[in-house]
Amino acid sequence: MKALEKEYHEELKMELQGMRYNASKPLIQSSNPVAETTDQAPPVSSEDPEEIMAKTTMSRKKRGLYEAIQINKKRKQDAVELLKSRKKKHVESQKSGKE
């Protein structure tokens, strides 16, 4: 509290003297450096900005259906990748068994 009062009085003195000061830059240092470091940028989304805008304009029902479709597409793609990897392992085991 005293630090704020001191800063206020210093600013008043500067005004009376006609000096210019930067109001956005405090004259005293913050006593809590942890508070300054907690300001972090929001996490970056991997989605396309156009897709995000399209989602925000959709109704809740349409957005839910769209998300369900996207989840189903990803599930199918994962299943295909799993089958391809199994086939690749099987072919490799067949090759190594013949040699």
PDB file of N, CA and C in Angstrom:
ATOM      1  N   MET A   1       0.826  -1.184   0.000  1.00  0.00           N
ATOM      2  CA  MET A   1       0.000   0.000   0.000  1.00  0.00           C
ATOM      3  C   MET A   1       0.871   1.249   0.000  1.00  0.00           C
ATOM      4  N   LYS A   2       1.919   1.229   0.793  1.00  0.00           N
ATOM      5  CA  LYS A   2       2.805   2.394   0.861  1.00  0.00           C
ATOM      6  C   LYS A   2       3.497   2.632  -0.475  1.00  0.00           C
ATOM      7  N   ALA A   3       3.804   1.555  -1.178  1.00  0.00           N
ATOM      8  CA  ALA A   3       4.463   1.707  -2.470  1.00  0.00           C
ATOM      9  C   ALA A   3       3.546   2.434  -3.455  1.00  0.00           C
ATOM     10  N   LEU A   4       2.262   2.091  -3.424  1.00  0.00           N
ATOM     11  CA  LEU A   4       1.309   2.750  -4.308  1.00  0.00           C
ATOM     12  C   LEU A   4       1.150   4.225  -3.946  1.00  0.00           C
ATOM     13  N   GLU A   5       1.118   4.522  -2.656  1.00  0.00           N
ATOM     14  CA  GLU A   5       1.020   5.919  -2.223  1.00  0.00           C
ATOM     15  C   GLU A   5       2.251   6.694  -2.668  1.00  0.00           C
ATOM     16  N   LYS A   6       3.420   6.084  -2.533  1.00  0.00           N
ATOM     17  CA  LYS A   6       4.660   6.739  -2.916  1.00  0.00           C
ATOM     18  C   LYS A   6       4.652   7.019  -4.419  1.00  0.00           C
ATOM     19  N   GLU A   7       4.209   6.041  -5.200  1.00  0.00           N
ATOM     20  CA  GLU A   7       4.134   6.212  -6.646  1.00  0.00           C
ATOM     21  C   GLU A   7       3.168   7.342  -7.001  1.00  0.00           C
ATOM     22  N   TYR A   8       2.038   7.389  -6.312  1.00  0.00           N
ATOM     23  CA  TYR A   8       1.030   8.425  -6.558  1.00  0.00           C
ATOM     24  C   TYR A   8       1.615   9.810  -6.281  1.00  0.00           C
ATOM     25  N   HIS A   9       2.301   9.946  -5.167  1.00  0.00           N
ATOM     26  CA  HIS A   9       2.877  11.240  -4.805  1.00  0.00           C
ATOM     27  C   HIS A   9       3.975  11.654  -5.793  1.00  0.00           C
ATOM     28  N   GLU A  10       4.766  10.683  -6.251  1.00  0.00           N
ATOM     29  CA  GLU A  10       5.803  10.995  -7.231  1.00  0.00           C
ATOM     30  C   GLU A  10       5.188  11.462  -8.546  1.00  0.00           C
ATOM     31  N   GLU A  11       4.093  10.827  -8.951  1.00  0.00           N
ATOM     32  CA  GLU A  11       3.404  11.248 -10.170  1.00  0.00           C
ATOM     33  C   GLU A  11       2.844  12.653 -10.017  1.00  0.00           C
ATOM     34  N   LEU A  12       2.282  12.974  -8.842  1.00  0.00           N
ATOM     35  CA  LEU A  12       1.769  14.322  -8.602  1.00  0.00           C
ATOM     36  C   LEU A  12       2.883  15.356  -8.677  1.00  0.00           C
ATOM     37  N   LYS A  13       4.033  15.043  -8.096  1.00  0.00           N
ATOM     38  CA  LYS A  13       5.168  15.962  -8.143  1.00  0.00           C
ATOM     39  C   LYS A  13       5.597  16.211  -9.582  1.00  0.00           C
ATOM     40  N   MET A  14       5.624  15.138 -10.370  1.00  0.00           N
ATOM     41  CA  MET A  14       6.028  15.273 -11.766  1.00  0.00           C
ATOM     42  C   MET A  14       5.040  16.141 -12.532  1.00  0.00           C
ATOM     43  N   GLU A  15       3.745  15.987 -12.249  1.00  0.00           N
ATOM     44  CA  GLU A  15       2.732  16.808 -12.905  1.00  0.00           C
ATOM     45  C   GLU A  15       2.905  18.282 -12.543  1.00  0.00           C
ATOM     46  N   LEU A  16       3.164  18.562 -11.272  1.00  0.00           N
ATOM     47  CA  LEU A  16       3.332  19.944 -10.836  1.00  0.00           C
ATOM     48  C   LEU A  16       4.555  20.589 -11.478  1.00  0.00           C
ATOM     49  N   GLN A  17       5.592  19.811 -11.693  1.00  0.00           N
ATOM     50  CA  GLN A  17       6.799  20.333 -12.311  1.00  0.00           C
ATOM     51  C   GLN A  17       6.651  20.459 -13.826  1.00  0.00           C
ATOM     52  N   GLY A  18       5.596  19.892 -14.372  1.00  0.00           N
ATOM     53  CA  GLY A  18       5.366  19.958 -15.806  1.00  0.00           C
ATOM     54  C   GLY A  18       6.130  18.916 -16.595  1.00  0.00           C
ATOM     55  N   MET A  19       6.648  17.928 -15.913  1.00  0.00           N
ATOM     56  CA  MET A  19       7.402  16.869 -16.587  1.00  0.00           C
ATOM     57  C   MET A  19       6.432  15.845 -17.168  1.00  0.00           C
ATOM     58  N   ARG A  20       6.871  15.268 -18.268  1.00  0.00           N
ATOM     59  CA  ARG A  20       6.061  14.199 -18.864  1.00  0.00           C
ATOM     60  C   ARG A  20       6.569  12.862 -18.332  1.00  0.00           C
ATOM     61  N   TYR A  21       5.639  11.950 -18.163  1.00  0.00           N
ATOM     62  CA  TYR A  21       6.016  10.608 -17.732  1.00  0.00           C
ATOM     63  C   TYR A  21       5.139   9.613 -18.461  1.00  0.00           C
ATOM     64  N   ASN A  22       5.603   8.399 -18.530  1.00  0.00           N
ATOM     65  CA  ASN A  22       4.871   7.350 -19.211  1.00  0.00           C
ATOM     66  C   ASN A  22       3.928   6.708 -18.196  1.00  0.00           C
ATOM     67  N   ALA A  23       2.633   6.910 -18.354  1.00  0.00           N
ATOM     68  CA  ALA A  23       1.659   6.384 -17.403  1.00  0.00           C
ATOM     69  C   ALA A  23       1.536   4.868 -17.477  1.00  0.00           C
ATOM     70  N   SER A  24       1.841   4.301 -18.620  1.00  0.00           N
ATOM     71  CA  SER A  24       1.722   2.850 -18.748  1.00  0.00           C
ATOM     72  C   SER A  24       2.885   2.128 -18.077  1.00  0.00           C
ATOM     73  N   LYS A  25       3.998   2.841 -17.849  1.00  0.00           N
ATOM     74  CA  LYS A  25       5.163   2.221 -17.221  1.00  0.00           C
ATOM     75  C   LYS A  25       5.196   2.626 -15.749  1.00  0.00           C
ATOM     76  N   PRO A  26       5.053   1.681 -14.835  1.00  0.00           N
ATOM     77  CA  PRO A  26       5.078   2.043 -13.421  1.00  0.00           C
ATOM     78  C   PRO A  26       6.472   2.488 -12.986  1.00  0.00           C
ATOM     79  N   LEU A  27       6.504   3.389 -12.013  1.00  0.00           N
ATOM     80  CA  LEU A  27       7.779   3.882 -11.513  1.00  0.00           C
ATOM     81  C   LEU A  27       8.459   2.876 -10.595  1.00  0.00           C
ATOM     82  N   ILE A  28       7.664   2.055  -9.902  1.00  0.00           N
ATOM     83  CA  ILE A  28       8.235   1.062  -8.994  1.00  0.00           C
ATOM     84  C   ILE A  28       8.107  -0.319  -9.600  1.00  0.00           C
ATOM     85  N   GLN A  29       8.963  -1.193  -9.169  1.00  0.00           N
ATOM     86  CA  GLN A  29       8.914  -2.569  -9.639  1.00  0.00           C
ATOM     87  C   GLN A  29       7.872  -3.341  -8.847  1.00  0.00           C
ATOM     88  N   SER A  30       7.241  -4.274  -9.513  1.00  0.00           N
ATOM     89  CA  SER A  30       6.257  -5.110  -8.851  1.00  0.00           C
ATOM     90  C   SER A  30       6.946  -6.004  -7.835  1.00  0.00           C
ATOM     91  N   SER A  31       6.343  -6.132  -6.662  1.00  0.00           N
ATOM     92  CA  SER A  31       6.946  -6.973  -5.631  1.00  0.00           C
ATOM     93  C   SER A  31       6.598  -8.441  -5.825  1.00  0.00           C
ATOM     94  N   ASN A  32       5.728  -8.737  -6.789  1.00  0.00           N
ATOM     95  CA  ASN A  32       5.309 -10.111  -7.036  1.00  0.00           C
ATOM     96  C   ASN A  32       5.681 -10.496  -8.469  1.00  0.00           C
ATOM     97  N   PRO A  33       6.908 -10.995  -8.701  1.00  0.00           N
ATOM     98  CA  PRO A  33       7.311 -11.334 -10.069  1.00  0.00           C
ATOM     99  C   PRO A  33       6.584 -12.559 -10.609  1.00  0.00           C
ATOM    100  N   VAL A  34       5.997 -13.382  -9.748  1.00  0.00           N
ATOM    101  CA  VAL A  34       5.290 -14.582 -10.189  1.00  0.00           C
ATOM    102  C   VAL A  34       4.035 -14.201 -10.957  1.00  0.00           C
ATOM    103  N   ALA A  35       3.367 -13.140 -10.544  1.00  0.00           N
ATOM    104  CA  ALA A  35       2.142 -12.708 -11.209  1.00  0.00           C
ATOM    105  C   ALA A  35       2.423 -12.295 -12.649  1.00  0.00           C
ATOM    106  N   GLU A  36       3.593 -11.761 -12.914  1.00  0.00           N
ATOM    107  CA  GLU A  36       3.929 -11.339 -14.259  1.00  0.00           C
ATOM    108  C   GLU A  36       4.175 -12.531 -15.176  1.00  0.00           C
ATOM    109  N   THR A  37       4.714 -13.609 -14.657  1.00  0.00           N
ATOM    110  CA  THR A  37       5.043 -14.761 -15.479  1.00  0.00           C
ATOM    111  C   THR A  37       3.858 -15.685 -15.707  1.00  0.00           C
ATOM    112  N   THR A  38       2.760 -15.518 -14.999  1.00  0.00           N
ATOM    113  CA  THR A  38       1.624 -16.404 -15.174  1.00  0.00           C
ATOM    114  C   THR A  38       0.806 -16.056 -16.401  1.00  0.00           C
ATOM    115  N   ASP A  39       1.032 -14.888 -16.993  1.00  0.00           N
ATOM    116  CA  ASP A  39       0.305 -14.518 -18.195  1.00  0.00           C
ATOM    117  C   ASP A  39       0.886 -15.285 -19.369  1.00  0.00           C
ATOM    118  N   GLN A  40       0.150 -16.290 -19.812  1.00  0.00           N
ATOM    119  CA  GLN A  40       0.620 -17.111 -20.911  1.00  0.00           C
ATOM    120  C   GLN A  40      -0.349 -16.978 -22.072  1.00  0.00           C
ATOM    121  N   ALA A  41       0.160 -17.192 -23.250  1.00  0.00           N
ATOM    122  CA  ALA A  41      -0.675 -17.140 -24.437  1.00  0.00           C
ATOM    123  C   ALA A  41      -1.609 -18.349 -24.441  1.00  0.00           C
ATOM    124  N   PRO A  42      -2.798 -18.204 -25.012  1.00  0.00           N
ATOM    125  CA  PRO A  42      -3.700 -19.343 -25.077  1.00  0.00           C
ATOM    126  C   PRO A  42      -3.121 -20.427 -25.976  1.00  0.00           C
ATOM    127  N   PRO A  43      -3.478 -21.680 -25.735  1.00  0.00           N
ATOM    128  CA  PRO A  43      -2.936 -22.749 -26.549  1.00  0.00           C
ATOM    129  C   PRO A  43      -3.339 -22.580 -28.006  1.00  0.00           C
ATOM    130  N   VAL A  44      -2.414 -22.907 -28.886  1.00  0.00           N
ATOM    131  CA  VAL A  44      -2.665 -22.764 -30.308  1.00  0.00           C
ATOM    132  C   VAL A  44      -3.443 -23.974 -30.787  1.00  0.00           C
ATOM    133  N   SER A  45      -4.524 -23.730 -31.498  1.00  0.00           N
ATOM    134  CA  SER A  45      -5.353 -24.809 -31.995  1.00  0.00           C
ATOM    135  C   SER A  45      -4.771 -25.346 -33.287  1.00  0.00           C
ATOM    136  N   SER A  46      -4.889 -26.636 -33.492  1.00  0.00           N
ATOM    137  CA  SER A  46      -4.361 -27.252 -34.703  1.00  0.00           C
ATOM    138  C   SER A  46      -5.370 -27.165 -35.843  1.00  0.00           C
ATOM    139  N   GLU A  47      -6.552 -26.649 -35.571  1.00  0.00           N
ATOM    140  CA  GLU A  47      -7.581 -26.556 -36.592  1.00  0.00           C
ATOM    141  C   GLU A  47      -7.352 -25.334 -37.472  1.00  0.00           C
ATOM    142  N   ASP A  48      -7.902 -25.394 -38.657  1.00  0.00           N
ATOM    143  CA  ASP A  48      -7.831 -24.303 -39.610  1.00  0.00           C
ATOM    144  C   ASP A  48      -8.708 -23.147 -39.120  1.00  0.00           C
ATOM    145  N   PRO A  49      -8.248 -21.901 -39.215  1.00  0.00           N
ATOM    146  CA  PRO A  49      -9.070 -20.767 -38.758  1.00  0.00           C
ATOM    147  C   PRO A  49     -10.412 -20.664 -39.477  1.00  0.00           C
ATOM    148  N   GLU A  50     -10.434 -21.041 -40.755  1.00  0.00           N
ATOM    149  CA  GLU A  50     -11.698 -21.016 -41.487  1.00  0.00           C
ATOM    150  C   GLU A  50     -12.671 -22.038 -40.912  1.00  0.00           C
ATOM    151  N   GLU A  51     -12.142 -23.193 -40.522  1.00  0.00           N
ATOM    152  CA  GLU A  51     -12.991 -24.231 -39.949  1.00  0.00           C
ATOM    153  C   GLU A  51     -13.558 -23.782 -38.601  1.00  0.00           C
ATOM    154  N   ILE A  52     -12.743 -23.075 -37.833  1.00  0.00           N
ATOM    155  CA  ILE A  52     -13.199 -22.564 -36.542  1.00  0.00           C
ATOM    156  C   ILE A  52     -14.324 -21.556 -36.745  1.00  0.00           C
ATOM    157  N   MET A  53     -14.147 -20.676 -37.721  1.00  0.00           N
ATOM    158  CA  MET A  53     -15.191 -19.677 -38.007  1.00  0.00           C
ATOM    159  C   MET A  53     -16.474 -20.366 -38.465  1.00  0.00           C
ATOM    160  N   ALA A  54     -16.333 -21.404 -39.277  1.00  0.00           N
ATOM    161  CA  ALA A  54     -17.513 -22.125 -39.751  1.00  0.00           C
ATOM    162  C   ALA A  54     -18.236 -22.787 -38.586  1.00  0.00           C
ATOM    163  N   LYS A  55     -17.466 -23.331 -37.641  1.00  0.00           N
ATOM    164  CA  LYS A  55     -18.077 -23.977 -36.478  1.00  0.00           C
ATOM    165  C   LYS A  55     -18.839 -22.981 -35.619  1.00  0.00           C
ATOM    166  N   THR A  56     -18.298 -21.782 -35.482  1.00  0.00           N
ATOM    167  CA  THR A  56     -18.948 -20.798 -34.612  1.00  0.00           C
ATOM    168  C   THR A  56     -20.265 -20.314 -35.191  1.00  0.00           C
ATOM    169  N   THR A  57     -20.398 -20.371 -36.518  1.00  0.00           N
ATOM    170  CA  THR A  57     -21.644 -19.916 -37.121  1.00  0.00           C
ATOM    171  C   THR A  57     -22.691 -21.023 -37.194  1.00  0.00           C
ATOM    172  N   MET A  58     -22.292 -22.260 -36.930  1.00  0.00           N
ATOM    173  CA  MET A  58     -23.238 -23.378 -36.964  1.00  0.00           C
ATOM    174  C   MET A  58     -24.116 -23.381 -35.717  1.00  0.00           C
ATOM    175  N   SER A  59     -25.307 -23.926 -35.890  1.00  0.00           N
ATOM    176  CA  SER A  59     -26.147 -24.111 -34.717  1.00  0.00           C
ATOM    177  C   SER A  59     -25.554 -25.244 -33.879  1.00  0.00           C
ATOM    178  N   ARG A  60     -25.998 -25.352 -32.651  1.00  0.00           N
ATOM    179  CA  ARG A  60     -25.448 -26.372 -31.755  1.00  0.00           C
ATOM    180  C   ARG A  60     -25.709 -27.777 -32.302  1.00  0.00           C
ATOM    181  N   LYS A  61     -26.881 -27.993 -32.859  1.00  0.00           N
ATOM    182  CA  LYS A  61     -27.226 -29.305 -33.390  1.00  0.00           C
ATOM    183  C   LYS A  61     -26.332 -29.667 -34.576  1.00  0.00           C
ATOM    184  N   LYS A  62     -26.154 -28.714 -35.503  1.00  0.00           N
ATOM    185  CA  LYS A  62     -25.308 -28.972 -36.664  1.00  0.00           C
ATOM    186  C   LYS A  62     -23.848 -29.143 -36.265  1.00  0.00           C
ATOM    187  N   ARG A  63     -23.411 -28.360 -35.292  1.00  0.00           N
ATOM    188  CA  ARG A  63     -22.023 -28.478 -34.833  1.00  0.00           C
ATOM    189  C   ARG A  63     -21.793 -29.839 -34.194  1.00  0.00           C
ATOM    190  N   GLY A  64     -22.768 -30.317 -33.423  1.00  0.00           N
ATOM    191  CA  GLY A  64     -22.647 -31.636 -32.808  1.00  0.00           C
ATOM    192  C   GLY A  64     -22.583 -32.738 -33.849  1.00  0.00           C
ATOM    193  N   LEU A  65     -23.419 -32.624 -34.874  1.00  0.00           N
ATOM    194  CA  LEU A  65     -23.392 -33.613 -35.949  1.00  0.00           C
ATOM    195  C   LEU A  65     -22.065 -33.563 -36.706  1.00  0.00           C
ATOM    196  N   TYR A  66     -21.580 -32.358 -36.959  1.00  0.00           N
ATOM    197  CA  TYR A  66     -20.311 -32.193 -37.667  1.00  0.00           C
ATOM    198  C   TYR A  66     -19.169 -32.824 -36.876  1.00  0.00           C
ATOM    199  N   GLU A  67     -19.141 -32.572 -35.575  1.00  0.00           N
ATOM    200  CA  GLU A  67     -18.085 -33.146 -34.742  1.00  0.00           C
ATOM    201  C   GLU A  67     -18.189 -34.661 -34.678  1.00  0.00           C
ATOM    202  N   ALA A  68     -19.424 -35.187 -34.650  1.00  0.00           N
ATOM    203  CA  ALA A  68     -19.606 -36.640 -34.640  1.00  0.00           C
ATOM    204  C   ALA A  68     -19.104 -37.250 -35.945  1.00  0.00           C
ATOM    205  N   ILE A  69     -19.347 -36.571 -37.051  1.00  0.00           N
ATOM    206  CA  ILE A  69     -18.859 -37.053 -38.346  1.00  0.00           C
ATOM    207  C   ILE A  69     -17.340 -37.055 -38.367  1.00  0.00           C
ATOM    208  N   GLN A  70     -16.723 -35.992 -37.841  1.00  0.00           N
ATOM    209  CA  GLN A  70     -15.264 -35.909 -37.821  1.00  0.00           C
ATOM    210  C   GLN A  70     -14.664 -37.008 -36.945  1.00  0.00           C
ATOM    211  N   ILE A  71     -15.290 -37.288 -35.813  1.00  0.00           N
ATOM    212  CA  ILE A  71     -14.814 -38.354 -34.930  1.00  0.00           C
ATOM    213  C   ILE A  71     -14.908 -39.702 -35.627  1.00  0.00           C
ATOM    214  N   ASN A  72     -16.027 -39.926 -36.335  1.00  0.00           N
ATOM    215  CA  ASN A  72     -16.220 -41.186 -37.041  1.00  0.00           C
ATOM    216  C   ASN A  72     -15.194 -41.342 -38.163  1.00  0.00           C
ATOM    217  N   LYS A  73     -14.896 -40.248 -38.880  1.00  0.00           N
ATOM    218  CA  LYS A  73     -13.886 -40.311 -39.935  1.00  0.00           C
ATOM    219  C   LYS A  73     -12.519 -40.673 -39.359  1.00  0.00           C
ATOM    220  N   LYS A  74     -12.185 -40.073 -38.228  1.00  0.00           N
ATOM    221  CA  LYS A  74     -10.892 -40.351 -37.593  1.00  0.00           C
ATOM    222  C   LYS A  74     -10.836 -41.805 -37.121  1.00  0.00           C
ATOM    223  N   ARG A  75     -11.930 -42.291 -36.571  1.00  0.00           N
ATOM    224  CA  ARG A  75     -11.978 -43.680 -36.109  1.00  0.00           C
ATOM    225  C   ARG A  75     -11.772 -44.641 -37.277  1.00  0.00           C
ATOM    226  N   LYS A  76     -12.426 -44.373 -38.409  1.00  0.00           N
ATOM    227  CA  LYS A  76     -12.263 -45.230 -39.577  1.00  0.00           C
ATOM    228  C   LYS A  76     -10.833 -45.175 -40.112  1.00  0.00           C
ATOM    229  N   GLN A  77     -10.265 -43.961 -40.134  1.00  0.00           N
ATOM    230  CA  GLN A  77      -8.894 -43.814 -40.616  1.00  0.00           C
ATOM    231  C   GLN A  77      -7.917 -44.562 -39.714  1.00  0.00           C
ATOM    232  N   ASP A  78      -8.145 -44.503 -38.402  1.00  0.00           N
ATOM    233  CA  ASP A  78      -7.296 -45.243 -37.464  1.00  0.00           C
ATOM    234  C   ASP A  78      -7.409 -46.742 -37.680  1.00  0.00           C
ATOM    235  N   ALA A  79      -8.617 -47.216 -37.968  1.00  0.00           N
ATOM    236  CA  ALA A  79      -8.806 -48.644 -38.216  1.00  0.00           C
ATOM    237  C   ALA A  79      -8.066 -49.072 -39.480  1.00  0.00           C
ATOM    238  N   VAL A  80      -8.118 -48.236 -40.510  1.00  0.00           N
ATOM    239  CA  VAL A  80      -7.411 -48.548 -41.758  1.00  0.00           C
ATOM    240  C   VAL A  80      -5.901 -48.593 -41.509  1.00  0.00           C
ATOM    241  N   GLU A  81      -5.389 -47.621 -40.747  1.00  0.00           N
ATOM    242  CA  GLU A  81      -3.962 -47.592 -40.439  1.00  0.00           C
ATOM    243  C   GLU A  81      -3.545 -48.834 -39.647  1.00  0.00           C
ATOM    244  N   LEU A  82      -4.396 -49.268 -38.724  1.00  0.00           N
ATOM    245  CA  LEU A  82      -4.101 -50.462 -37.942  1.00  0.00           C
ATOM    246  C   LEU A  82      -4.022 -51.694 -38.839  1.00  0.00           C
ATOM    247  N   LEU A  83      -4.978 -51.818 -39.765  1.00  0.00           N
ATOM    248  CA  LEU A  83      -4.963 -52.959 -40.685  1.00  0.00           C
ATOM    249  C   LEU A  83      -3.735 -52.931 -41.590  1.00  0.00           C
ATOM    250  N   LYS A  84      -3.357 -51.733 -42.050  1.00  0.00           N
ATOM    251  CA  LYS A  84      -2.165 -51.628 -42.909  1.00  0.00           C
ATOM    252  C   LYS A  84      -0.909 -52.026 -42.151  1.00  0.00           C
ATOM    253  N   SER A  85      -0.816 -51.600 -40.896  1.00  0.00           N
ATOM    254  CA  SER A  85       0.374 -51.955 -40.121  1.00  0.00           C
ATOM    255  C   SER A  85       0.411 -53.455 -39.836  1.00  0.00           C
ATOM    256  N   ARG A  86      -0.742 -54.063 -39.580  1.00  0.00           N
ATOM    257  CA  ARG A  86      -0.779 -55.511 -39.360  1.00  0.00           C
ATOM    258  C   ARG A  86      -0.377 -56.263 -40.624  1.00  0.00           C
ATOM    259  N   LYS A  87      -0.865 -55.782 -41.775  1.00  0.00           N
ATOM    260  CA  LYS A  87      -0.534 -56.432 -43.038  1.00  0.00           C
ATOM    261  C   LYS A  87       0.961 -56.324 -43.304  1.00  0.00           C
ATOM    262  N   LYS A  88       1.538 -55.145 -43.014  1.00  0.00           N
ATOM    263  CA  LYS A  88       2.964 -54.932 -43.230  1.00  0.00           C
ATOM    264  C   LYS A  88       3.782 -55.873 -42.346  1.00  0.00           C
ATOM    265  N   LYS A  89       3.373 -56.022 -41.092  1.00  0.00           N
ATOM    266  CA  LYS A  89       4.084 -56.925 -40.179  1.00  0.00           C
ATOM    267  C   LYS A  89       3.970 -58.363 -40.656  1.00  0.00           C
ATOM    268  N   HIS A  90       2.796 -58.733 -41.161  1.00  0.00           N
ATOM    269  CA  HIS A  90       2.577 -60.093 -41.627  1.00  0.00           C
ATOM    270  C   HIS A  90       3.455 -60.388 -42.843  1.00  0.00           C
ATOM    271  N   VAL A  91       3.506 -59.437 -43.775  1.00  0.00           N
ATOM    272  CA  VAL A  91       4.320 -59.621 -44.978  1.00  0.00           C
ATOM    273  C   VAL A  91       5.796 -59.714 -44.593  1.00  0.00           C
ATOM    274  N   GLU A  92       6.242 -58.886 -43.674  1.00  0.00           N
ATOM    275  CA  GLU A  92       7.638 -58.931 -43.233  1.00  0.00           C
ATOM    276  C   GLU A  92       7.966 -60.252 -42.545  1.00  0.00           C
ATOM    277  N   SER A  93       7.026 -60.772 -41.762  1.00  0.00           N
ATOM    278  CA  SER A  93       7.272 -62.049 -41.090  1.00  0.00           C
ATOM    279  C   SER A  93       7.305 -63.195 -42.097  1.00  0.00           C
ATOM    280  N   GLN A  94       6.499 -63.078 -43.158  1.00  0.00           N
ATOM    281  CA  GLN A  94       6.514 -64.115 -44.206  1.00  0.00           C
ATOM    282  C   GLN A  94       7.840 -64.097 -44.958  1.00  0.00           C
ATOM    283  N   LYS A  95       8.354 -62.886 -45.220  1.00  0.00           N
ATOM    284  CA  LYS A  95       9.625 -62.775 -45.926  1.00  0.00           C
ATOM    285  C   LYS A  95      10.760 -63.331 -45.084  1.00  0.00           C
ATOM    286  N   SER A  96      10.752 -63.014 -43.809  1.00  0.00           N
ATOM    287  CA  SER A  96      11.834 -63.482 -42.932  1.00  0.00           C
ATOM    288  C   SER A  96      11.736 -65.000 -42.690  1.00  0.00           C
ATOM    289  N   GLY A  97      10.537 -65.555 -42.773  1.00  0.00           N
ATOM    290  CA  GLY A  97      10.363 -66.991 -42.589  1.00  0.00           C
ATOM    291  C   GLY A  97      10.851 -67.792 -43.785  1.00  0.00           C
ATOM    292  N   LYS A  98      10.777 -67.232 -44.982  1.00  0.00           N
ATOM    293  CA  LYS A  98      11.211 -67.932 -46.188  1.00  0.00           C
ATOM    294  C   LYS A  98      12.735 -67.933 -46.306  1.00  0.00           C
ATOM    295  N   GLU A  99      13.393 -66.944 -45.758  1.00  0.00           N
ATOM    296  CA  GLU A  99      14.853 -66.842 -45.894  1.00  0.00           C
ATOM    297  C   GLU A  99      15.582 -67.749 -44.993  1.00  0.00           C
TER     298      GLU A  99
END
